[in-house]
Amino acid sequence: MWKNELIYDKDFRDRIDVFLSSYFWYSRNFFHHIIERKWVLVNGKNVKKSYKLKCNDKIEIDNLERYLDSSFLAELPYVNIDIVLEKEDYLVLNKHKWVLSHPNSIWDLSAPSVVAFLYQKYKSLPSIWNFIRAWLVHRLDKDTDWLMIVAKTEKGLSYFKNLFQQKSTLENIEEKEKVPLQKYYRSKVNLTEKWKQFLKNIDLPFYIKEVVKPKVPYPWTYKMWITKIIDVKENILYLQLLTWRTHQIRFHLMKKWLPIIWDKLYWNKENQSMALTAYRLKFKDLYWKNIDLSLMKINF
């Protein structure tokens, strides 16, 4: 029984997997599985994930909710994660390296993840897109560790989502820095000669601000990225994010001749965990309390 019907009304000719992932907020990987199982029809026929939509195409999609049932969470492996701060509506966790923020898809639940830990400890989850991302208001890469905010209630989820959205949508740096939410990172980099020369001619803090077409996950999408370099101590950089883009720090530093040590995507293929840590969080919480958390030990 087909539960979702819509008409494609653009002339751009999006790929169907790209269009559906943007329309429904589920991942492209999720729709790859749905399409491969012939649970998506275009004009009454099965299509491939690379199908280019035409204006007035009729898209029919099987009931997505039956693939997002939280019973899948019972399959998630247990992983222990330290809780740095716990309040009624939110948590701050110390995420470890090699732990995913959330499972890659409902067909790949074997890897340890933050969502697995949360389900095992709390069971009930506030809603956000689908159960795989329940609780999460932001993510850290698998190889990025330490401080991460998680919502415990719908109220907490709404509050922190709003702060993160403000950070991304406000247009100028001054407005972004006034948002009561700051994320700070520390990174060990390959200090190239080009950067050493560049450093002689700039004052800190220094803003990397540019419109970027990233390597992943959406290489066709250009967006404004802003990263603030606060301090440099030998080959350790201290940074702050002013926009929230996937792989933003990794991509920006590579572009500025500062690849992160052991970054397997942007620098080398060594089997070590990338030298990037979310070491500090400053924010005003739901109770108007100023929170400043930091884990200062350098662990790379």
C-alpha atoms as a PDB file:
ATOM      1  CA  MET A   1       0.000   0.000   0.000  1.00  0.00           C
ATOM      2  CA  TRP A   2       1.520   3.307  -1.099  1.00  0.00           C
ATOM      3  CA  LYS A   3       1.501   5.914   1.660  1.00  0.00           C
ATOM      4  CA  ASN A   4       3.332   8.909   0.150  1.00  0.00           C
ATOM      5  CA  GLU A   5       2.496  10.514  -3.186  1.00  0.00           C
ATOM      6  CA  LEU A   6       3.975  13.698  -4.605  1.00  0.00           C
ATOM      7  CA  ILE A   7       4.476  15.431  -7.938  1.00  0.00           C
ATOM      8  CA  TYR A   8       7.930  16.620  -8.988  1.00  0.00           C
ATOM      9  CA  ASP A   9       7.327  20.204 -10.135  1.00  0.00           C
ATOM     10  CA  LYS A  10      10.827  21.431 -11.028  1.00  0.00           C
ATOM     11  CA  ASP A  11      12.685  21.676 -14.330  1.00  0.00           C
ATOM     12  CA  PHE A  12      16.111  20.982 -12.790  1.00  0.00           C
ATOM     13  CA  ARG A  13      15.977  17.149 -13.158  1.00  0.00           C
ATOM     14  CA  ASP A  14      17.242  16.047  -9.748  1.00  0.00           C
ATOM     15  CA  ARG A  15      18.334  12.476  -9.181  1.00  0.00           C
ATOM     16  CA  ILE A  16      15.517  10.745  -7.366  1.00  0.00           C
ATOM     17  CA  ASP A  17      17.692   9.719  -4.375  1.00  0.00           C
ATOM     18  CA  VAL A  18      18.920  13.308  -3.952  1.00  0.00           C
ATOM     19  CA  PHE A  19      15.431  14.758  -4.224  1.00  0.00           C
ATOM     20  CA  LEU A  20      13.852  12.319  -1.771  1.00  0.00           C
ATOM     21  CA  SER A  21      16.600  12.743   0.836  1.00  0.00           C
ATOM     22  CA  SER A  22      16.165  16.539   0.762  1.00  0.00           C
ATOM     23  CA  TYR A  23      12.357  16.338   0.730  1.00  0.00           C
ATOM     24  CA  PHE A  24      11.991  13.889   3.631  1.00  0.00           C
ATOM     25  CA  TRP A  25      15.236  14.629   5.569  1.00  0.00           C
ATOM     26  CA  TYR A  26      16.282  10.954   5.556  1.00  0.00           C
ATOM     27  CA  SER A  27      19.700  10.017   4.172  1.00  0.00           C
ATOM     28  CA  ARG A  28      20.429   9.145   0.549  1.00  0.00           C
ATOM     29  CA  ASN A  29      21.689   5.775   1.781  1.00  0.00           C
ATOM     30  CA  PHE A  30      18.274   5.140   3.348  1.00  0.00           C
ATOM     31  CA  PHE A  31      16.525   5.822   0.024  1.00  0.00           C
ATOM     32  CA  HIS A  32      19.031   3.667  -1.865  1.00  0.00           C
ATOM     33  CA  HIS A  33      17.749   0.708   0.154  1.00  0.00           C
ATOM     34  CA  ILE A  34      14.118   1.687  -0.400  1.00  0.00           C
ATOM     35  CA  ILE A  35      14.588   2.122  -4.162  1.00  0.00           C
ATOM     36  CA  GLU A  36      16.572  -1.113  -4.555  1.00  0.00           C
ATOM     37  CA  ARG A  37      13.698  -2.993  -2.895  1.00  0.00           C
ATOM     38  CA  LYS A  38      11.281  -1.493  -5.453  1.00  0.00           C
ATOM     39  CA  TRP A  39       9.347   0.459  -2.837  1.00  0.00           C
ATOM     40  CA  VAL A  40       9.477   3.669  -4.873  1.00  0.00           C
ATOM     41  CA  LEU A  41       7.499   4.096  -8.102  1.00  0.00           C
ATOM     42  CA  VAL A  42       7.737   6.885 -10.668  1.00  0.00           C
ATOM     43  CA  ASN A  43       4.700   7.087 -12.925  1.00  0.00           C
ATOM     44  CA  GLY A  44       3.762   3.603 -11.723  1.00  0.00           C
ATOM     45  CA  LYS A  45       7.134   2.007 -12.573  1.00  0.00           C
ATOM     46  CA  ASN A  46      10.245   1.014 -10.632  1.00  0.00           C
ATOM     47  CA  VAL A  47      13.322   3.171 -11.236  1.00  0.00           C
ATOM     48  CA  LYS A  48      17.020   3.129 -10.384  1.00  0.00           C
ATOM     49  CA  LYS A  49      18.510   5.401  -7.734  1.00  0.00           C
ATOM     50  CA  SER A  50      20.201   7.426 -10.518  1.00  0.00           C
ATOM     51  CA  TYR A  51      16.913   8.176 -12.288  1.00  0.00           C
ATOM     52  CA  LYS A  52      16.649  11.858 -13.295  1.00  0.00           C
ATOM     53  CA  LEU A  53      13.216  13.221 -12.464  1.00  0.00           C
ATOM     54  CA  LYS A  54      11.215  15.172 -15.036  1.00  0.00           C
ATOM     55  CA  CYS A  55       8.663  17.882 -14.373  1.00  0.00           C
ATOM     56  CA  ASN A  56       5.250  16.418 -13.446  1.00  0.00           C
ATOM     57  CA  ASP A  57       6.645  12.961 -12.619  1.00  0.00           C
ATOM     58  CA  LYS A  58       4.374  11.266 -10.086  1.00  0.00           C
ATOM     59  CA  ILE A  59       6.350   9.668  -7.221  1.00  0.00           C
ATOM     60  CA  GLU A  60       4.792   7.008  -4.989  1.00  0.00           C
ATOM     61  CA  ILE A  61       6.613   5.792  -1.884  1.00  0.00           C
ATOM     62  CA  ASP A  62       5.789   2.954   0.456  1.00  0.00           C
ATOM     63  CA  ASN A  63       5.068   3.808   4.102  1.00  0.00           C
ATOM     64  CA  LEU A  64       8.435   5.059   5.395  1.00  0.00           C
ATOM     65  CA  GLU A  65       7.493   4.799   9.034  1.00  0.00           C
ATOM     66  CA  ARG A  66       7.520   1.002   8.988  1.00  0.00           C
ATOM     67  CA  TYR A  67      11.257   1.146   8.220  1.00  0.00           C
ATOM     68  CA  LEU A  68      11.863   3.561  11.102  1.00  0.00           C
ATOM     69  CA  ASP A  69      10.343   1.598  13.966  1.00  0.00           C
ATOM     70  CA  SER A  70      12.332   2.081  17.177  1.00  0.00           C
ATOM     71  CA  SER A  71      12.271  -1.695  17.756  1.00  0.00           C
ATOM     72  CA  PHE A  72      15.396  -1.737  15.581  1.00  0.00           C
ATOM     73  CA  LEU A  73      17.201  -0.072  18.473  1.00  0.00           C
ATOM     74  CA  ALA A  74      17.110  -3.337  20.414  1.00  0.00           C
ATOM     75  CA  GLU A  75      19.697  -4.641  17.936  1.00  0.00           C
ATOM     76  CA  LEU A  76      22.216  -1.906  18.737  1.00  0.00           C
ATOM     77  CA  PRO A  77      25.392  -3.034  20.569  1.00  0.00           C
ATOM     78  CA  TYR A  78      26.037  -1.643  24.035  1.00  0.00           C
ATOM     79  CA  VAL A  79      28.770   0.950  24.439  1.00  0.00           C
ATOM     80  CA  ASN A  80      29.606   2.893  27.594  1.00  0.00           C
ATOM     81  CA  ILE A  81      29.975   6.661  27.229  1.00  0.00           C
ATOM     82  CA  ASP A  82      30.822   9.103  30.011  1.00  0.00           C
ATOM     83  CA  ILE A  83      28.187  11.687  30.932  1.00  0.00           C
ATOM     84  CA  VAL A  84      29.867  15.025  31.674  1.00  0.00           C
ATOM     85  CA  LEU A  85      26.689  16.924  32.592  1.00  0.00           C
ATOM     86  CA  GLU A  86      23.076  15.787  32.962  1.00  0.00           C
ATOM     87  CA  LYS A  87      19.996  17.996  33.300  1.00  0.00           C
ATOM     88  CA  GLU A  88      16.288  17.302  32.961  1.00  0.00           C
ATOM     89  CA  ASP A  89      16.175  18.255  29.271  1.00  0.00           C
ATOM     90  CA  TYR A  90      19.693  17.574  27.985  1.00  0.00           C
ATOM     91  CA  LEU A  91      23.013  15.783  28.425  1.00  0.00           C
ATOM     92  CA  VAL A  92      26.608  16.574  27.548  1.00  0.00           C
ATOM     93  CA  LEU A  93      28.586  13.441  26.679  1.00  0.00           C
ATOM     94  CA  ASN A  94      32.258  12.626  26.297  1.00  0.00           C
ATOM     95  CA  LYS A  95      32.083  10.752  22.998  1.00  0.00           C
ATOM     96  CA  HIS A  96      34.985   8.422  22.313  1.00  0.00           C
ATOM     97  CA  LYS A  97      36.903   8.032  19.075  1.00  0.00           C
ATOM     98  CA  TRP A  98      35.731   5.164  16.826  1.00  0.00           C
ATOM     99  CA  VAL A  99      32.153   5.613  18.095  1.00  0.00           C
ATOM    100  CA  LEU A 100      29.554   6.800  15.559  1.00  0.00           C
ATOM    101  CA  SER A 101      27.111   9.535  16.491  1.00  0.00           C
ATOM    102  CA  HIS A 102      24.323   7.403  15.022  1.00  0.00           C
ATOM    103  CA  PRO A 103      24.066   4.215  12.922  1.00  0.00           C
ATOM    104  CA  ASN A 104      24.696   4.656   9.213  1.00  0.00           C
ATOM    105  CA  SER A 105      21.312   3.139   8.346  1.00  0.00           C
ATOM    106  CA  ILE A 106      18.739   0.671   9.654  1.00  0.00           C
ATOM    107  CA  TRP A 107      20.567  -2.017   7.643  1.00  0.00           C
ATOM    108  CA  ASP A 108      23.865  -1.359   9.417  1.00  0.00           C
ATOM    109  CA  LEU A 109      23.344  -1.417  13.181  1.00  0.00           C
ATOM    110  CA  SER A 110      26.442  -3.340  14.250  1.00  0.00           C
ATOM    111  CA  ALA A 111      28.839  -0.462  14.976  1.00  0.00           C
ATOM    112  CA  PRO A 112      28.922   1.194  18.443  1.00  0.00           C
ATOM    113  CA  SER A 113      27.138   4.556  18.462  1.00  0.00           C
ATOM    114  CA  VAL A 114      25.960   7.340  20.750  1.00  0.00           C
ATOM    115  CA  VAL A 115      22.348   6.464  19.907  1.00  0.00           C
ATOM    116  CA  ALA A 116      22.991   2.875  21.025  1.00  0.00           C
ATOM    117  CA  PHE A 117      24.255   4.102  24.392  1.00  0.00           C
ATOM    118  CA  LEU A 118      21.291   6.439  24.823  1.00  0.00           C
ATOM    119  CA  TYR A 119      18.751   3.780  23.986  1.00  0.00           C
ATOM    120  CA  GLN A 120      20.287   1.263  26.372  1.00  0.00           C
ATOM    121  CA  LYS A 121      20.338   3.818  29.185  1.00  0.00           C
ATOM    122  CA  TYR A 122      17.091   5.758  28.656  1.00  0.00           C
ATOM    123  CA  LYS A 123      14.861   3.823  26.193  1.00  0.00           C
ATOM    124  CA  SER A 124      12.449   6.671  25.385  1.00  0.00           C
ATOM    125  CA  LEU A 125      13.598   9.041  22.665  1.00  0.00           C
ATOM    126  CA  PRO A 126      12.404  12.468  21.508  1.00  0.00           C
ATOM    127  CA  SER A 127      11.562  12.577  17.819  1.00  0.00           C
ATOM    128  CA  ILE A 128      13.916  13.939  15.174  1.00  0.00           C
ATOM    129  CA  TRP A 129      13.471  12.823  11.535  1.00  0.00           C
ATOM    130  CA  ASN A 130      13.778   9.112  12.420  1.00  0.00           C
ATOM    131  CA  PHE A 131      14.889   6.906  15.286  1.00  0.00           C
ATOM    132  CA  ILE A 132      18.465   6.621  13.983  1.00  0.00           C
ATOM    133  CA  ARG A 133      19.074  10.288  14.831  1.00  0.00           C
ATOM    134  CA  ALA A 134      16.823  10.492  17.879  1.00  0.00           C
ATOM    135  CA  TRP A 135      18.235  12.700  20.658  1.00  0.00           C
ATOM    136  CA  LEU A 136      20.965  14.177  18.453  1.00  0.00           C
ATOM    137  CA  VAL A 137      21.014  17.933  17.902  1.00  0.00           C
ATOM    138  CA  HIS A 138      24.478  17.800  16.360  1.00  0.00           C
ATOM    139  CA  ARG A 139      27.002  15.151  15.392  1.00  0.00           C
ATOM    140  CA  LEU A 140      30.704  14.502  15.715  1.00  0.00           C
ATOM    141  CA  ASP A 141      32.648  12.499  13.137  1.00  0.00           C
ATOM    142  CA  LYS A 142      33.508   8.939  14.075  1.00  0.00           C
ATOM    143  CA  ASP A 143      37.141   9.944  14.637  1.00  0.00           C
ATOM    144  CA  THR A 144      36.330  13.154  16.542  1.00  0.00           C
ATOM    145  CA  ASP A 145      35.953  12.784  20.288  1.00  0.00           C
ATOM    146  CA  TRP A 146      34.820  14.520  23.470  1.00  0.00           C
ATOM    147  CA  LEU A 147      32.016  17.030  24.079  1.00  0.00           C
ATOM    148  CA  MET A 148      28.621  16.504  22.466  1.00  0.00           C
ATOM    149  CA  ILE A 149      25.152  17.868  23.394  1.00  0.00           C
ATOM    150  CA  VAL A 150      22.206  15.459  23.378  1.00  0.00           C
ATOM    151  CA  ALA A 151      18.503  16.250  23.943  1.00  0.00           C
ATOM    152  CA  LYS A 152      16.594  14.238  26.555  1.00  0.00           C
ATOM    153  CA  THR A 153      13.169  15.768  25.898  1.00  0.00           C
ATOM    154  CA  GLU A 154      11.256  17.369  23.039  1.00  0.00           C
ATOM    155  CA  LYS A 155      11.674  20.689  24.848  1.00  0.00           C
ATOM    156  CA  GLY A 156      15.446  20.280  24.943  1.00  0.00           C
ATOM    157  CA  LEU A 157      15.514  19.137  21.336  1.00  0.00           C
ATOM    158  CA  SER A 158      13.610  22.212  20.153  1.00  0.00           C
ATOM    159  CA  TYR A 159      15.781  24.604  22.179  1.00  0.00           C
ATOM    160  CA  PHE A 160      19.155  23.342  20.990  1.00  0.00           C
ATOM    161  CA  LYS A 161      18.057  22.831  17.385  1.00  0.00           C
ATOM    162  CA  ASN A 162      17.069  26.498  17.359  1.00  0.00           C
ATOM    163  CA  LEU A 163      20.510  27.567  18.624  1.00  0.00           C
ATOM    164  CA  PHE A 164      22.314  25.481  16.009  1.00  0.00           C
ATOM    165  CA  GLN A 165      20.047  26.786  13.250  1.00  0.00           C
ATOM    166  CA  GLN A 166      20.711  30.371  14.302  1.00  0.00           C
ATOM    167  CA  LYS A 167      24.432  29.725  14.083  1.00  0.00           C
ATOM    168  CA  SER A 168      24.076  28.458  10.523  1.00  0.00           C
ATOM    169  CA  THR A 169      21.488  30.906   9.147  1.00  0.00           C
ATOM    170  CA  LEU A 170      22.622  34.265  10.564  1.00  0.00           C
ATOM    171  CA  GLU A 171      24.580  36.076   7.871  1.00  0.00           C
ATOM    172  CA  ASN A 172      27.472  37.942   9.492  1.00  0.00           C
ATOM    173  CA  ILE A 173      30.204  36.907  11.902  1.00  0.00           C
ATOM    174  CA  GLU A 174      29.176  39.377  14.623  1.00  0.00           C
ATOM    175  CA  GLU A 175      25.646  37.934  14.765  1.00  0.00           C
ATOM    176  CA  LYS A 176      26.933  34.362  14.803  1.00  0.00           C
ATOM    177  CA  GLU A 177      29.283  35.036  17.695  1.00  0.00           C
ATOM    178  CA  LYS A 178      26.431  36.488  19.771  1.00  0.00           C
ATOM    179  CA  VAL A 179      24.444  33.237  19.615  1.00  0.00           C
ATOM    180  CA  PRO A 180      24.773  31.670  23.111  1.00  0.00           C
ATOM    181  CA  LEU A 181      26.360  28.496  21.783  1.00  0.00           C
ATOM    182  CA  GLN A 182      30.060  28.084  20.953  1.00  0.00           C
ATOM    183  CA  LYS A 183      31.887  24.894  19.982  1.00  0.00           C
ATOM    184  CA  TYR A 184      35.677  24.804  20.255  1.00  0.00           C
ATOM    185  CA  TYR A 185      38.007  22.259  18.681  1.00  0.00           C
ATOM    186  CA  ARG A 186      41.665  21.365  19.014  1.00  0.00           C
ATOM    187  CA  SER A 187      43.590  19.828  16.161  1.00  0.00           C
ATOM    188  CA  LYS A 188      47.092  18.540  15.542  1.00  0.00           C
ATOM    189  CA  VAL A 189      48.138  19.472  12.026  1.00  0.00           C
ATOM    190  CA  ASN A 190      50.906  18.964   9.538  1.00  0.00           C
ATOM    191  CA  LEU A 191      52.538  22.385   9.853  1.00  0.00           C
ATOM    192  CA  THR A 192      53.564  23.035   6.241  1.00  0.00           C
ATOM    193  CA  GLU A 193      56.012  25.658   5.064  1.00  0.00           C
ATOM    194  CA  LYS A 194      53.217  27.488   3.236  1.00  0.00           C
ATOM    195  CA  TRP A 195      51.322  27.855   6.506  1.00  0.00           C
ATOM    196  CA  LYS A 196      54.420  29.058   8.385  1.00  0.00           C
ATOM    197  CA  GLN A 197      54.839  31.818   5.816  1.00  0.00           C
ATOM    198  CA  PHE A 198      51.114  32.594   5.878  1.00  0.00           C
ATOM    199  CA  LEU A 199      51.127  32.833   9.692  1.00  0.00           C
ATOM    200  CA  LYS A 200      53.766  35.562   9.610  1.00  0.00           C
ATOM    201  CA  ASN A 201      51.351  37.865   7.766  1.00  0.00           C
ATOM    202  CA  ILE A 202      48.152  37.429   9.767  1.00  0.00           C
ATOM    203  CA  ASP A 203      46.832  38.367  13.182  1.00  0.00           C
ATOM    204  CA  LEU A 204      44.945  35.940  15.402  1.00  0.00           C
ATOM    205  CA  PRO A 205      42.107  35.261  15.670  1.00  0.00           C
ATOM    206  CA  PHE A 206      41.863  34.584  11.936  1.00  0.00           C
ATOM    207  CA  TYR A 207      38.658  33.734  10.073  1.00  0.00           C
ATOM    208  CA  ILE A 208      38.564  31.266   7.198  1.00  0.00           C
ATOM    209  CA  LYS A 209      35.462  32.395   5.306  1.00  0.00           C
ATOM    210  CA  GLU A 210      34.580  31.093   1.879  1.00  0.00           C
ATOM    211  CA  VAL A 211      31.893  29.507  -0.241  1.00  0.00           C
ATOM    212  CA  VAL A 212      32.830  25.841  -0.485  1.00  0.00           C
ATOM    213  CA  LYS A 213      31.957  22.807  -2.573  1.00  0.00           C
ATOM    214  CA  PRO A 214      33.001  19.965  -0.213  1.00  0.00           C
ATOM    215  CA  LYS A 215      34.315  16.525  -1.092  1.00  0.00           C
ATOM    216  CA  VAL A 216      31.485  14.875   0.857  1.00  0.00           C
ATOM    217  CA  PRO A 217      28.613  14.399   1.508  1.00  0.00           C
ATOM    218  CA  TYR A 218      27.017  16.716  -1.095  1.00  0.00           C
ATOM    219  CA  PRO A 219      29.803  17.706  -3.534  1.00  0.00           C
ATOM    220  CA  TRP A 220      27.400  19.594  -5.819  1.00  0.00           C
ATOM    221  CA  THR A 221      26.251  22.003  -3.074  1.00  0.00           C
ATOM    222  CA  TYR A 222      27.999  25.345  -2.472  1.00  0.00           C
ATOM    223  CA  LYS A 223      27.594  26.903   0.983  1.00  0.00           C
ATOM    224  CA  MET A 224      29.282  29.563   3.102  1.00  0.00           C
ATOM    225  CA  TRP A 225      31.688  28.047   5.643  1.00  0.00           C
ATOM    226  CA  ILE A 226      33.278  30.046   8.472  1.00  0.00           C
ATOM    227  CA  THR A 227      35.966  28.673  10.793  1.00  0.00           C
ATOM    228  CA  LYS A 228      37.753  30.814  13.375  1.00  0.00           C
ATOM    229  CA  ILE A 229      41.395  30.006  14.196  1.00  0.00           C
ATOM    230  CA  ILE A 230      41.844  31.289  17.745  1.00  0.00           C
ATOM    231  CA  ASP A 231      45.399  30.256  18.570  1.00  0.00           C
ATOM    232  CA  VAL A 232      48.360  28.256  17.266  1.00  0.00           C
ATOM    233  CA  LYS A 233      50.817  26.545  19.629  1.00  0.00           C
ATOM    234  CA  GLU A 234      53.503  24.715  17.686  1.00  0.00           C
ATOM    235  CA  ASN A 235      51.455  22.318  15.545  1.00  0.00           C
ATOM    236  CA  ILE A 236      48.297  22.415  17.709  1.00  0.00           C
ATOM    237  CA  LEU A 237      45.462  24.633  16.468  1.00  0.00           C
ATOM    238  CA  TYR A 238      42.578  25.941  18.578  1.00  0.00           C
ATOM    239  CA  LEU A 239      39.465  26.633  16.539  1.00  0.00           C
ATOM    240  CA  GLN A 240      35.815  27.648  16.759  1.00  0.00           C
ATOM    241  CA  LEU A 241      33.024  26.763  14.309  1.00  0.00           C
ATOM    242  CA  LEU A 242      30.761  29.620  13.179  1.00  0.00           C
ATOM    243  CA  THR A 243      28.848  27.462  10.699  1.00  0.00           C
ATOM    244  CA  TRP A 244      27.902  23.788  11.012  1.00  0.00           C
ATOM    245  CA  ARG A 245      28.989  21.936   7.861  1.00  0.00           C
ATOM    246  CA  THR A 246      29.970  18.302   7.474  1.00  0.00           C
ATOM    247  CA  HIS A 247      33.788  17.989   7.538  1.00  0.00           C
ATOM    248  CA  GLN A 248      34.104  21.779   7.785  1.00  0.00           C
ATOM    249  CA  ILE A 249      37.273  21.904   9.895  1.00  0.00           C
ATOM    250  CA  ARG A 250      38.923  19.065   7.984  1.00  0.00           C
ATOM    251  CA  PHE A 251      38.213  20.645   4.606  1.00  0.00           C
ATOM    252  CA  HIS A 252      39.120  24.197   5.625  1.00  0.00           C
ATOM    253  CA  LEU A 253      42.462  23.204   7.119  1.00  0.00           C
ATOM    254  CA  MET A 254      43.373  21.096   4.113  1.00  0.00           C
ATOM    255  CA  LYS A 255      42.601  24.086   1.862  1.00  0.00           C
ATOM    256  CA  LYS A 256      44.870  26.289   4.021  1.00  0.00           C
ATOM    257  CA  TRP A 257      47.824  23.853   3.781  1.00  0.00           C
ATOM    258  CA  LEU A 258      47.128  22.500   7.283  1.00  0.00           C
ATOM    259  CA  PRO A 259      45.914  18.913   6.892  1.00  0.00           C
ATOM    260  CA  ILE A 260      44.920  17.231  10.162  1.00  0.00           C
ATOM    261  CA  ILE A 261      47.250  14.443  11.242  1.00  0.00           C
ATOM    262  CA  TRP A 262      45.824  10.978  10.394  1.00  0.00           C
ATOM    263  CA  ASP A 263      42.858  12.368   8.454  1.00  0.00           C
ATOM    264  CA  LYS A 264      42.239   9.440   6.122  1.00  0.00           C
ATOM    265  CA  LEU A 265      39.901  11.369   3.810  1.00  0.00           C
ATOM    266  CA  TYR A 266      41.845  14.592   3.267  1.00  0.00           C
ATOM    267  CA  TRP A 267      45.473  13.712   3.994  1.00  0.00           C
ATOM    268  CA  ASN A 268      46.805  10.174   4.497  1.00  0.00           C
ATOM    269  CA  LYS A 269      45.531   6.622   4.918  1.00  0.00           C
ATOM    270  CA  GLU A 270      47.233   5.637   8.170  1.00  0.00           C
ATOM    271  CA  ASN A 271      45.107   3.459  10.420  1.00  0.00           C
ATOM    272  CA  GLN A 272      45.079   5.862  13.356  1.00  0.00           C
ATOM    273  CA  SER A 273      42.358   8.018  14.791  1.00  0.00           C
ATOM    274  CA  MET A 274      42.270  11.553  13.399  1.00  0.00           C
ATOM    275  CA  ALA A 275      43.825  14.218  15.657  1.00  0.00           C
ATOM    276  CA  LEU A 276      40.693  16.335  16.134  1.00  0.00           C
ATOM    277  CA  THR A 277      38.908  16.884  19.459  1.00  0.00           C
ATOM    278  CA  ALA A 278      35.798  18.882  20.456  1.00  0.00           C
ATOM    279  CA  TYR A 279      37.417  20.021  23.686  1.00  0.00           C
ATOM    280  CA  ARG A 280      35.136  22.858  24.849  1.00  0.00           C
ATOM    281  CA  LEU A 281      31.438  23.836  24.854  1.00  0.00           C
ATOM    282  CA  LYS A 282      29.970  27.155  25.969  1.00  0.00           C
ATOM    283  CA  PHE A 283      26.234  27.726  25.892  1.00  0.00           C
ATOM    284  CA  LYS A 284      23.248  29.175  27.697  1.00  0.00           C
ATOM    285  CA  ASP A 285      20.887  26.344  28.537  1.00  0.00           C
ATOM    286  CA  LEU A 286      17.083  26.167  28.816  1.00  0.00           C
ATOM    287  CA  TYR A 287      17.237  27.447  32.379  1.00  0.00           C
ATOM    288  CA  TRP A 288      19.258  30.526  31.345  1.00  0.00           C
ATOM    289  CA  LYS A 289      22.323  29.175  33.046  1.00  0.00           C
ATOM    290  CA  ASN A 290      25.713  29.794  31.417  1.00  0.00           C
ATOM    291  CA  ILE A 291      27.532  26.491  30.904  1.00  0.00           C
ATOM    292  CA  ASP A 292      31.263  26.322  30.132  1.00  0.00           C
ATOM    293  CA  LEU A 293      32.677  22.795  29.866  1.00  0.00           C
ATOM    294  CA  SER A 294      36.178  21.880  28.753  1.00  0.00           C
ATOM    295  CA  LEU A 295      38.386  18.815  28.686  1.00  0.00           C
ATOM    296  CA  MET A 296      41.878  20.233  28.472  1.00  0.00           C
ATOM    297  CA  LYS A 297      44.089  17.140  28.315  1.00  0.00           C
ATOM    298  CA  ILE A 298      45.689  16.760  24.878  1.00  0.00           C
ATOM    299  CA  ASN A 299      45.133  13.156  23.868  1.00  0.00           C
ATOM    300  CA  PHE A 300      46.973  12.986  20.543  1.00  0.00           C
END
